[in-house]
Amino acid sequence: MKIRPARLEDCETIARVHVDSWRTAYRGLVPDEVLDGLSVADRARARREQFVRNGASQSSLVAEDPASGIVGFSIAGPARSGPERYDGELYAIYLLASVRRRGLGRRLFAESVAALRAFGHRAMLVWVFEGNPPARAFYERMGGRLLPDKKFLEIGTALLPVVAYGWDELPAP
């Protein structure tokens, strides 16, 4: 598996991974009608817009299998919300279910941290669905500390709590 910077032409494949990951990871947490209504075309359009608008300030990475193509991705950049001392944020790490538990999440995490460091960030946070124990355990294994901050995301008909994990200093490479 190779980790590399995402390119504009990867946006549709990233969108497929995004939709598939949400449907497998969040079933039972996010309303079914939201998951069933996810559109690869809509996600690809949004990803292309984000890529063009924020490309200079964000790191977009893909995990690529030589045989099957892109199987995961991560996005990181300036913190969008949360305590001010956390200047960087890991926005997302998503992997296809078929490649989870092979170390790709750790590799994408480490490469995202390196990118944040290269952008000059000193600390970071990540927002995680409170009801997603596997993701929360992953970020705890990566050294994240549960912060007292909590917010709610309106997703379809549900108001879902998300919690923040923080790293007061970016983890060493």
N, C-alpha and C. Protein backbone atom coordinates (compact mmCIF):
# COMPACT_ATOMS: atom_id res chain seq x y z
N MET A 1 0.84 -1.19 0.00
CA MET A 1 0.00 0.00 0.00
C MET A 1 0.88 1.24 0.00
N LYS A 2 0.47 2.18 -0.77
CA LYS A 2 1.21 3.43 -0.90
C LYS A 2 0.33 4.58 -0.38
N ILE A 3 0.92 5.46 0.41
CA ILE A 3 0.26 6.69 0.83
C ILE A 3 0.84 7.80 -0.03
N ARG A 4 -0.02 8.59 -0.66
CA ARG A 4 0.45 9.67 -1.52
C ARG A 4 -0.51 10.84 -1.43
N PRO A 5 -0.06 12.02 -1.84
CA PRO A 5 -0.98 13.17 -1.88
C PRO A 5 -2.11 12.91 -2.88
N ALA A 6 -3.30 13.33 -2.50
CA ALA A 6 -4.44 13.20 -3.40
C ALA A 6 -4.29 14.20 -4.54
N ARG A 7 -4.87 13.83 -5.67
CA ARG A 7 -4.90 14.72 -6.84
C ARG A 7 -6.36 15.02 -7.16
N LEU A 8 -6.58 16.08 -7.90
CA LEU A 8 -7.93 16.48 -8.26
C LEU A 8 -8.66 15.33 -8.94
N GLU A 9 -7.97 14.59 -9.78
CA GLU A 9 -8.63 13.49 -10.50
C GLU A 9 -8.99 12.31 -9.58
N ASP A 10 -8.56 12.33 -8.32
CA ASP A 10 -8.91 11.29 -7.35
C ASP A 10 -10.25 11.55 -6.67
N CYS A 11 -10.83 12.72 -6.87
CA CYS A 11 -12.00 13.12 -6.08
C CYS A 11 -13.18 12.15 -6.19
N GLU A 12 -13.44 11.59 -7.36
CA GLU A 12 -14.56 10.67 -7.47
C GLU A 12 -14.29 9.37 -6.70
N THR A 13 -13.09 8.86 -6.79
CA THR A 13 -12.76 7.63 -6.06
C THR A 13 -12.78 7.89 -4.56
N ILE A 14 -12.27 9.03 -4.14
CA ILE A 14 -12.34 9.41 -2.72
C ILE A 14 -13.79 9.46 -2.28
N ALA A 15 -14.66 10.01 -3.11
CA ALA A 15 -16.09 10.08 -2.78
C ALA A 15 -16.68 8.68 -2.63
N ARG A 16 -16.29 7.74 -3.47
CA ARG A 16 -16.79 6.36 -3.35
C ARG A 16 -16.36 5.75 -2.01
N VAL A 17 -15.09 5.97 -1.66
CA VAL A 17 -14.60 5.46 -0.37
C VAL A 17 -15.36 6.13 0.77
N HIS A 18 -15.58 7.43 0.67
CA HIS A 18 -16.29 8.17 1.70
C HIS A 18 -17.69 7.60 1.91
N VAL A 19 -18.45 7.44 0.83
CA VAL A 19 -19.82 6.94 0.93
C VAL A 19 -19.83 5.51 1.47
N ASP A 20 -18.98 4.65 0.94
CA ASP A 20 -18.93 3.26 1.40
C ASP A 20 -18.53 3.20 2.88
N SER A 21 -17.57 4.00 3.28
CA SER A 21 -17.12 4.01 4.68
C SER A 21 -18.23 4.45 5.62
N TRP A 22 -18.93 5.51 5.25
CA TRP A 22 -20.04 5.97 6.08
C TRP A 22 -21.08 4.87 6.22
N ARG A 23 -21.41 4.22 5.11
CA ARG A 23 -22.46 3.20 5.15
C ARG A 23 -22.08 2.00 6.01
N THR A 24 -20.80 1.65 6.03
CA THR A 24 -20.38 0.49 6.84
C THR A 24 -20.06 0.88 8.27
N ALA A 25 -19.46 2.03 8.49
CA ALA A 25 -19.03 2.41 9.84
C ALA A 25 -20.14 3.04 10.68
N TYR A 26 -21.08 3.70 10.04
CA TYR A 26 -22.07 4.48 10.80
C TYR A 26 -23.48 3.90 10.79
N ARG A 27 -23.66 2.70 10.21
CA ARG A 27 -24.99 2.07 10.21
C ARG A 27 -25.38 1.82 11.66
N GLY A 28 -26.57 2.26 12.05
CA GLY A 28 -27.02 2.14 13.43
C GLY A 28 -26.72 3.38 14.25
N LEU A 29 -25.88 4.25 13.74
CA LEU A 29 -25.55 5.50 14.43
C LEU A 29 -26.19 6.68 13.71
N VAL A 30 -25.96 6.74 12.42
CA VAL A 30 -26.55 7.77 11.56
C VAL A 30 -27.83 7.19 10.98
N PRO A 31 -28.90 8.00 10.87
CA PRO A 31 -30.16 7.46 10.33
C PRO A 31 -29.97 6.76 8.98
N ASP A 32 -30.64 5.62 8.81
CA ASP A 32 -30.53 4.85 7.58
C ASP A 32 -30.87 5.67 6.34
N GLU A 33 -31.88 6.53 6.43
CA GLU A 33 -32.27 7.31 5.25
C GLU A 33 -31.14 8.25 4.81
N VAL A 34 -30.33 8.71 5.75
CA VAL A 34 -29.18 9.55 5.39
C VAL A 34 -28.13 8.69 4.69
N LEU A 35 -27.80 7.54 5.28
CA LEU A 35 -26.79 6.67 4.68
C LEU A 35 -27.23 6.16 3.32
N ASP A 36 -28.48 5.76 3.20
CA ASP A 36 -28.97 5.24 1.93
C ASP A 36 -29.06 6.34 0.87
N GLY A 37 -29.20 7.58 1.30
CA GLY A 37 -29.31 8.69 0.37
C GLY A 37 -27.99 9.33 -0.02
N LEU A 38 -26.88 8.84 0.52
CA LEU A 38 -25.58 9.41 0.16
C LEU A 38 -25.32 9.21 -1.32
N SER A 39 -24.75 10.23 -1.94
CA SER A 39 -24.50 10.20 -3.38
C SER A 39 -23.02 10.38 -3.66
N VAL A 40 -22.45 9.45 -4.39
CA VAL A 40 -21.05 9.58 -4.80
C VAL A 40 -20.87 10.82 -5.63
N ALA A 41 -21.80 11.11 -6.53
CA ALA A 41 -21.68 12.30 -7.39
C ALA A 41 -21.67 13.57 -6.56
N ASP A 42 -22.56 13.67 -5.55
CA ASP A 42 -22.58 14.86 -4.69
C ASP A 42 -21.29 14.99 -3.88
N ARG A 43 -20.83 13.87 -3.32
CA ARG A 43 -19.60 13.90 -2.53
C ARG A 43 -18.41 14.26 -3.42
N ALA A 44 -18.36 13.74 -4.63
CA ALA A 44 -17.25 14.05 -5.55
C ALA A 44 -17.25 15.53 -5.89
N ARG A 45 -18.43 16.09 -6.15
CA ARG A 45 -18.53 17.52 -6.47
C ARG A 45 -18.04 18.36 -5.28
N ALA A 46 -18.49 18.01 -4.08
CA ALA A 46 -18.07 18.74 -2.88
C ALA A 46 -16.57 18.59 -2.65
N ARG A 47 -16.06 17.40 -2.86
CA ARG A 47 -14.62 17.16 -2.66
C ARG A 47 -13.78 17.97 -3.65
N ARG A 48 -14.22 18.02 -4.91
CA ARG A 48 -13.49 18.83 -5.91
C ARG A 48 -13.49 20.30 -5.50
N GLU A 49 -14.63 20.80 -5.05
CA GLU A 49 -14.71 22.21 -4.62
C GLU A 49 -13.78 22.47 -3.44
N GLN A 50 -13.79 21.57 -2.45
CA GLN A 50 -12.90 21.70 -1.29
C GLN A 50 -11.44 21.64 -1.73
N PHE A 51 -11.14 20.73 -2.61
CA PHE A 51 -9.77 20.53 -3.06
C PHE A 51 -9.25 21.81 -3.72
N VAL A 52 -10.05 22.39 -4.59
CA VAL A 52 -9.64 23.62 -5.29
C VAL A 52 -9.57 24.79 -4.32
N ARG A 53 -10.57 24.94 -3.45
CA ARG A 53 -10.64 26.07 -2.53
C ARG A 53 -9.59 26.00 -1.43
N ASN A 54 -9.33 24.81 -0.89
CA ASN A 54 -8.48 24.70 0.30
C ASN A 54 -7.18 23.95 0.07
N GLY A 55 -6.87 23.62 -1.16
CA GLY A 55 -5.71 22.78 -1.45
C GLY A 55 -4.40 23.27 -0.88
N ALA A 56 -4.21 24.58 -0.81
CA ALA A 56 -2.94 25.12 -0.32
C ALA A 56 -2.83 25.06 1.21
N SER A 57 -3.96 24.94 1.90
CA SER A 57 -3.92 24.96 3.36
C SER A 57 -4.27 23.61 3.99
N GLN A 58 -4.64 22.63 3.17
CA GLN A 58 -5.02 21.33 3.68
C GLN A 58 -4.15 20.23 3.09
N SER A 59 -4.05 19.15 3.84
CA SER A 59 -3.39 17.95 3.34
C SER A 59 -4.47 16.93 3.02
N SER A 60 -4.48 16.48 1.79
CA SER A 60 -5.37 15.40 1.37
C SER A 60 -4.49 14.25 0.91
N LEU A 61 -4.61 13.12 1.58
CA LEU A 61 -3.79 11.95 1.26
C LEU A 61 -4.68 10.78 0.89
N VAL A 62 -4.17 9.90 0.07
CA VAL A 62 -4.90 8.66 -0.25
C VAL A 62 -4.01 7.47 0.04
N ALA A 63 -4.68 6.37 0.43
CA ALA A 63 -4.03 5.07 0.56
C ALA A 63 -4.40 4.31 -0.71
N GLU A 64 -3.38 3.88 -1.43
CA GLU A 64 -3.62 3.27 -2.73
C GLU A 64 -3.03 1.87 -2.79
N ASP A 65 -3.86 0.94 -3.17
CA ASP A 65 -3.44 -0.44 -3.39
C ASP A 65 -3.11 -0.57 -4.87
N PRO A 66 -1.94 -1.11 -5.20
CA PRO A 66 -1.58 -1.22 -6.62
C PRO A 66 -2.60 -2.00 -7.44
N ALA A 67 -3.26 -2.98 -6.82
CA ALA A 67 -4.21 -3.81 -7.56
C ALA A 67 -5.61 -3.22 -7.63
N SER A 68 -6.06 -2.60 -6.54
CA SER A 68 -7.45 -2.16 -6.50
C SER A 68 -7.65 -0.66 -6.44
N GLY A 69 -6.59 0.12 -6.42
CA GLY A 69 -6.73 1.57 -6.43
C GLY A 69 -6.87 2.16 -5.04
N ILE A 70 -7.53 3.29 -4.95
CA ILE A 70 -7.66 4.03 -3.69
C ILE A 70 -8.62 3.29 -2.76
N VAL A 71 -8.14 3.02 -1.54
CA VAL A 71 -8.92 2.28 -0.55
C VAL A 71 -9.14 3.09 0.72
N GLY A 72 -8.57 4.29 0.80
CA GLY A 72 -8.73 5.13 1.97
C GLY A 72 -8.19 6.51 1.71
N PHE A 73 -8.52 7.43 2.64
CA PHE A 73 -8.02 8.79 2.51
C PHE A 73 -8.04 9.49 3.86
N SER A 74 -7.31 10.59 3.93
CA SER A 74 -7.34 11.45 5.11
C SER A 74 -7.29 12.90 4.65
N ILE A 75 -7.82 13.78 5.48
CA ILE A 75 -7.80 15.21 5.21
C ILE A 75 -7.48 15.91 6.53
N ALA A 76 -6.55 16.86 6.50
CA ALA A 76 -6.17 17.61 7.69
C ALA A 76 -5.85 19.04 7.29
N GLY A 77 -5.98 19.94 8.24
CA GLY A 77 -5.68 21.35 7.96
C GLY A 77 -5.88 22.20 9.20
N PRO A 78 -6.11 23.49 9.01
CA PRO A 78 -6.32 24.37 10.15
C PRO A 78 -7.57 23.98 10.94
N ALA A 79 -7.52 24.15 12.25
CA ALA A 79 -8.68 23.82 13.09
C ALA A 79 -9.85 24.72 12.71
N ARG A 80 -11.03 24.11 12.63
CA ARG A 80 -12.24 24.85 12.27
C ARG A 80 -13.04 25.26 13.50
N SER A 81 -12.92 24.51 14.58
CA SER A 81 -13.62 24.83 15.82
C SER A 81 -12.92 24.09 16.95
N GLY A 82 -13.23 24.49 18.17
CA GLY A 82 -12.62 23.85 19.32
C GLY A 82 -11.74 24.83 20.07
N PRO A 83 -11.10 24.35 21.12
CA PRO A 83 -10.23 25.23 21.91
C PRO A 83 -9.13 25.85 21.04
N GLU A 84 -8.86 27.10 21.28
CA GLU A 84 -7.93 27.87 20.44
C GLU A 84 -6.52 27.31 20.40
N ARG A 85 -6.08 26.65 21.46
CA ARG A 85 -4.71 26.15 21.49
C ARG A 85 -4.46 25.05 20.45
N TYR A 86 -5.55 24.44 19.94
CA TYR A 86 -5.42 23.40 18.92
C TYR A 86 -5.54 24.07 17.55
N ASP A 87 -4.39 24.32 16.94
CA ASP A 87 -4.39 25.07 15.68
C ASP A 87 -4.55 24.20 14.45
N GLY A 88 -4.37 22.88 14.59
CA GLY A 88 -4.55 21.96 13.48
C GLY A 88 -5.69 21.00 13.77
N GLU A 89 -6.24 20.44 12.69
CA GLU A 89 -7.34 19.50 12.86
C GLU A 89 -7.21 18.37 11.85
N LEU A 90 -7.43 17.17 12.32
CA LEU A 90 -7.56 16.01 11.44
C LEU A 90 -9.05 15.92 11.14
N TYR A 91 -9.43 16.25 9.91
CA TYR A 91 -10.84 16.29 9.54
C TYR A 91 -11.41 14.90 9.33
N ALA A 92 -10.63 14.00 8.75
CA ALA A 92 -11.18 12.70 8.40
C ALA A 92 -10.09 11.68 8.11
N ILE A 93 -10.36 10.47 8.51
CA ILE A 93 -9.65 9.28 8.01
C ILE A 93 -10.75 8.27 7.72
N TYR A 94 -10.82 7.84 6.48
CA TYR A 94 -11.81 6.84 6.08
C TYR A 94 -11.12 5.75 5.28
N LEU A 95 -11.50 4.52 5.58
CA LEU A 95 -10.97 3.33 4.88
C LEU A 95 -12.12 2.42 4.49
N LEU A 96 -11.97 1.74 3.37
CA LEU A 96 -12.93 0.70 3.01
C LEU A 96 -12.86 -0.39 4.07
N ALA A 97 -13.99 -1.00 4.35
CA ALA A 97 -14.05 -2.05 5.38
C ALA A 97 -13.07 -3.19 5.08
N SER A 98 -12.86 -3.48 3.81
CA SER A 98 -12.00 -4.60 3.43
C SER A 98 -10.53 -4.40 3.77
N VAL A 99 -10.11 -3.17 4.07
CA VAL A 99 -8.70 -2.92 4.37
C VAL A 99 -8.48 -2.41 5.79
N ARG A 100 -9.52 -2.38 6.60
CA ARG A 100 -9.35 -1.94 7.99
C ARG A 100 -8.55 -2.97 8.76
N ARG A 101 -7.91 -2.50 9.81
CA ARG A 101 -7.11 -3.34 10.71
C ARG A 101 -5.84 -3.87 10.05
N ARG A 102 -5.30 -3.12 9.12
CA ARG A 102 -4.04 -3.49 8.47
C ARG A 102 -2.96 -2.42 8.66
N GLY A 103 -3.23 -1.44 9.51
CA GLY A 103 -2.24 -0.41 9.77
C GLY A 103 -2.36 0.82 8.87
N LEU A 104 -3.31 0.82 7.94
CA LEU A 104 -3.44 1.97 7.05
C LEU A 104 -3.92 3.22 7.78
N GLY A 105 -4.82 3.03 8.73
CA GLY A 105 -5.28 4.18 9.52
C GLY A 105 -4.13 4.84 10.26
N ARG A 106 -3.27 4.02 10.86
CA ARG A 106 -2.10 4.56 11.57
C ARG A 106 -1.17 5.30 10.60
N ARG A 107 -0.99 4.73 9.41
CA ARG A 107 -0.12 5.37 8.42
C ARG A 107 -0.71 6.69 7.93
N LEU A 108 -2.00 6.71 7.66
CA LEU A 108 -2.64 7.96 7.24
C LEU A 108 -2.58 8.99 8.37
N PHE A 109 -2.78 8.53 9.61
CA PHE A 109 -2.68 9.42 10.76
C PHE A 109 -1.29 10.04 10.82
N ALA A 110 -0.26 9.21 10.76
CA ALA A 110 1.12 9.70 10.87
C ALA A 110 1.46 10.67 9.73
N GLU A 111 1.05 10.36 8.53
CA GLU A 111 1.33 11.25 7.39
C GLU A 111 0.56 12.55 7.52
N SER A 112 -0.66 12.49 8.04
CA SER A 112 -1.45 13.71 8.25
C SER A 112 -0.80 14.60 9.31
N VAL A 113 -0.30 13.98 10.37
CA VAL A 113 0.40 14.73 11.41
C VAL A 113 1.64 15.40 10.82
N ALA A 114 2.39 14.67 10.01
CA ALA A 114 3.58 15.24 9.36
C ALA A 114 3.21 16.43 8.48
N ALA A 115 2.08 16.32 7.78
CA ALA A 115 1.64 17.43 6.93
C ALA A 115 1.24 18.64 7.78
N LEU A 116 0.54 18.40 8.89
CA LEU A 116 0.18 19.51 9.77
C LEU A 116 1.44 20.20 10.30
N ARG A 117 2.42 19.39 10.68
CA ARG A 117 3.69 19.94 11.16
C ARG A 117 4.34 20.79 10.07
N ALA A 118 4.33 20.31 8.83
CA ALA A 118 4.92 21.05 7.71
C ALA A 118 4.18 22.37 7.46
N PHE A 119 2.88 22.39 7.75
CA PHE A 119 2.10 23.63 7.61
C PHE A 119 2.35 24.59 8.77
N GLY A 120 3.11 24.14 9.79
CA GLY A 120 3.42 25.01 10.92
C GLY A 120 2.50 24.86 12.11
N HIS A 121 1.64 23.86 12.10
CA HIS A 121 0.75 23.65 13.24
C HIS A 121 1.53 22.98 14.37
N ARG A 122 1.11 23.26 15.60
CA ARG A 122 1.80 22.72 16.77
C ARG A 122 0.98 21.70 17.55
N ALA A 123 -0.34 21.81 17.45
CA ALA A 123 -1.24 20.94 18.20
C ALA A 123 -2.43 20.63 17.30
N MET A 124 -3.16 19.58 17.63
CA MET A 124 -4.31 19.25 16.78
C MET A 124 -5.42 18.61 17.58
N LEU A 125 -6.58 18.60 16.95
CA LEU A 125 -7.71 17.88 17.50
C LEU A 125 -8.44 17.17 16.37
N VAL A 126 -9.32 16.28 16.77
CA VAL A 126 -10.19 15.56 15.83
C VAL A 126 -11.55 15.43 16.51
N TRP A 127 -12.62 15.62 15.74
CA TRP A 127 -13.98 15.45 16.24
C TRP A 127 -14.47 14.06 15.83
N VAL A 128 -15.07 13.32 16.77
CA VAL A 128 -15.48 11.93 16.56
C VAL A 128 -16.90 11.76 17.10
N PHE A 129 -17.72 10.99 16.38
CA PHE A 129 -19.04 10.68 16.91
C PHE A 129 -18.88 10.03 18.28
N GLU A 130 -19.58 10.57 19.26
CA GLU A 130 -19.51 10.02 20.62
C GLU A 130 -19.91 8.54 20.65
N GLY A 131 -20.84 8.15 19.80
CA GLY A 131 -21.32 6.78 19.78
C GLY A 131 -20.55 5.87 18.85
N ASN A 132 -19.30 6.20 18.56
CA ASN A 132 -18.47 5.39 17.67
C ASN A 132 -17.24 4.87 18.44
N PRO A 133 -17.43 3.83 19.27
CA PRO A 133 -16.32 3.33 20.08
C PRO A 133 -15.07 2.92 19.28
N PRO A 134 -15.19 2.29 18.10
CA PRO A 134 -13.95 1.93 17.38
C PRO A 134 -13.10 3.15 17.02
N ALA A 135 -13.72 4.21 16.54
CA ALA A 135 -12.97 5.42 16.19
C ALA A 135 -12.38 6.06 17.44
N ARG A 136 -13.15 6.12 18.49
CA ARG A 136 -12.65 6.72 19.73
C ARG A 136 -11.45 5.94 20.26
N ALA A 137 -11.53 4.61 20.22
CA ALA A 137 -10.41 3.78 20.68
C ALA A 137 -9.18 4.00 19.80
N PHE A 138 -9.38 4.14 18.49
CA PHE A 138 -8.26 4.39 17.58
C PHE A 138 -7.53 5.67 17.97
N TYR A 139 -8.27 6.76 18.17
CA TYR A 139 -7.62 8.03 18.50
C TYR A 139 -6.98 7.99 19.89
N GLU A 140 -7.54 7.23 20.80
CA GLU A 140 -6.89 7.06 22.10
C GLU A 140 -5.58 6.30 21.94
N ARG A 141 -5.57 5.26 21.10
CA ARG A 141 -4.31 4.52 20.85
C ARG A 141 -3.27 5.42 20.18
N MET A 142 -3.73 6.39 19.42
CA MET A 142 -2.81 7.33 18.75
C MET A 142 -2.35 8.43 19.70
N GLY A 143 -2.78 8.37 20.95
CA GLY A 143 -2.32 9.32 21.95
C GLY A 143 -3.23 10.50 22.20
N GLY A 144 -4.40 10.49 21.59
CA GLY A 144 -5.34 11.59 21.80
C GLY A 144 -5.95 11.55 23.19
N ARG A 145 -6.19 12.73 23.71
CA ARG A 145 -6.79 12.89 25.04
C ARG A 145 -8.20 13.44 24.85
N LEU A 146 -9.18 12.77 25.45
CA LEU A 146 -10.56 13.23 25.37
C LEU A 146 -10.66 14.61 26.02
N LEU A 147 -11.17 15.56 25.25
CA LEU A 147 -11.33 16.92 25.74
C LEU A 147 -12.75 17.11 26.27
N PRO A 148 -12.96 18.10 27.12
CA PRO A 148 -14.32 18.30 27.65
C PRO A 148 -15.28 18.90 26.62
N ASP A 149 -14.77 19.27 25.47
CA ASP A 149 -15.60 19.89 24.43
C ASP A 149 -16.51 18.86 23.77
N LYS A 150 -17.74 19.26 23.54
CA LYS A 150 -18.71 18.41 22.88
C LYS A 150 -19.61 19.33 22.06
N LYS A 151 -20.00 18.87 20.89
CA LYS A 151 -20.97 19.61 20.11
C LYS A 151 -21.91 18.61 19.47
N PHE A 152 -22.92 19.13 18.80
CA PHE A 152 -23.92 18.26 18.19
C PHE A 152 -24.01 18.58 16.71
N LEU A 153 -24.07 17.52 15.90
CA LEU A 153 -24.24 17.66 14.46
C LEU A 153 -25.63 17.20 14.09
N GLU A 154 -26.31 18.01 13.30
CA GLU A 154 -27.62 17.62 12.79
C GLU A 154 -27.40 16.86 11.49
N ILE A 155 -27.73 15.59 11.51
CA ILE A 155 -27.56 14.73 10.34
C ILE A 155 -28.90 14.08 10.07
N GLY A 156 -29.54 14.53 9.00
CA GLY A 156 -30.89 14.06 8.72
C GLY A 156 -31.80 14.49 9.84
N THR A 157 -32.50 13.53 10.42
CA THR A 157 -33.44 13.83 11.51
C THR A 157 -32.80 13.68 12.88
N ALA A 158 -31.53 13.36 12.93
CA ALA A 158 -30.86 13.09 14.21
C ALA A 158 -29.93 14.24 14.60
N LEU A 159 -29.82 14.44 15.88
CA LEU A 159 -28.86 15.37 16.45
C LEU A 159 -27.83 14.50 17.17
N LEU A 160 -26.63 14.35 16.55
CA LEU A 160 -25.64 13.41 17.06
C LEU A 160 -24.51 14.13 17.78
N PRO A 161 -24.16 13.67 19.00
CA PRO A 161 -23.06 14.29 19.73
C PRO A 161 -21.70 13.86 19.16
N VAL A 162 -20.81 14.82 19.07
CA VAL A 162 -19.42 14.54 18.69
C VAL A 162 -18.53 15.08 19.80
N VAL A 163 -17.46 14.33 20.07
CA VAL A 163 -16.51 14.71 21.10
C VAL A 163 -15.15 14.97 20.44
N ALA A 164 -14.34 15.73 21.13
CA ALA A 164 -13.02 16.08 20.59
C ALA A 164 -11.93 15.32 21.33
N TYR A 165 -10.95 14.90 20.56
CA TYR A 165 -9.70 14.36 21.11
C TYR A 165 -8.61 15.34 20.71
N GLY A 166 -7.70 15.62 21.64
CA GLY A 166 -6.66 16.60 21.36
C GLY A 166 -5.27 16.07 21.64
N TRP A 167 -4.32 16.65 20.91
CA TRP A 167 -2.90 16.43 21.11
C TRP A 167 -2.31 17.80 21.35
N ASP A 168 -1.84 18.05 22.59
CA ASP A 168 -1.28 19.36 22.93
C ASP A 168 -0.02 19.65 22.13
N GLU A 169 0.67 18.61 21.74
CA GLU A 169 1.81 18.72 20.83
C GLU A 169 1.62 17.66 19.76
N LEU A 170 1.93 18.00 18.52
CA LEU A 170 1.80 17.01 17.47
C LEU A 170 2.68 15.82 17.77
N PRO A 171 2.14 14.61 17.61
CA PRO A 171 2.94 13.41 17.89
C PRO A 171 4.22 13.38 17.05
N ALA A 172 5.26 12.87 17.64
CA ALA A 172 6.55 12.75 16.93
C ALA A 172 6.42 11.74 15.80
N PRO A 173 7.21 11.93 14.74
CA PRO A 173 7.15 10.99 13.61
C PRO A 173 7.62 9.59 14.00
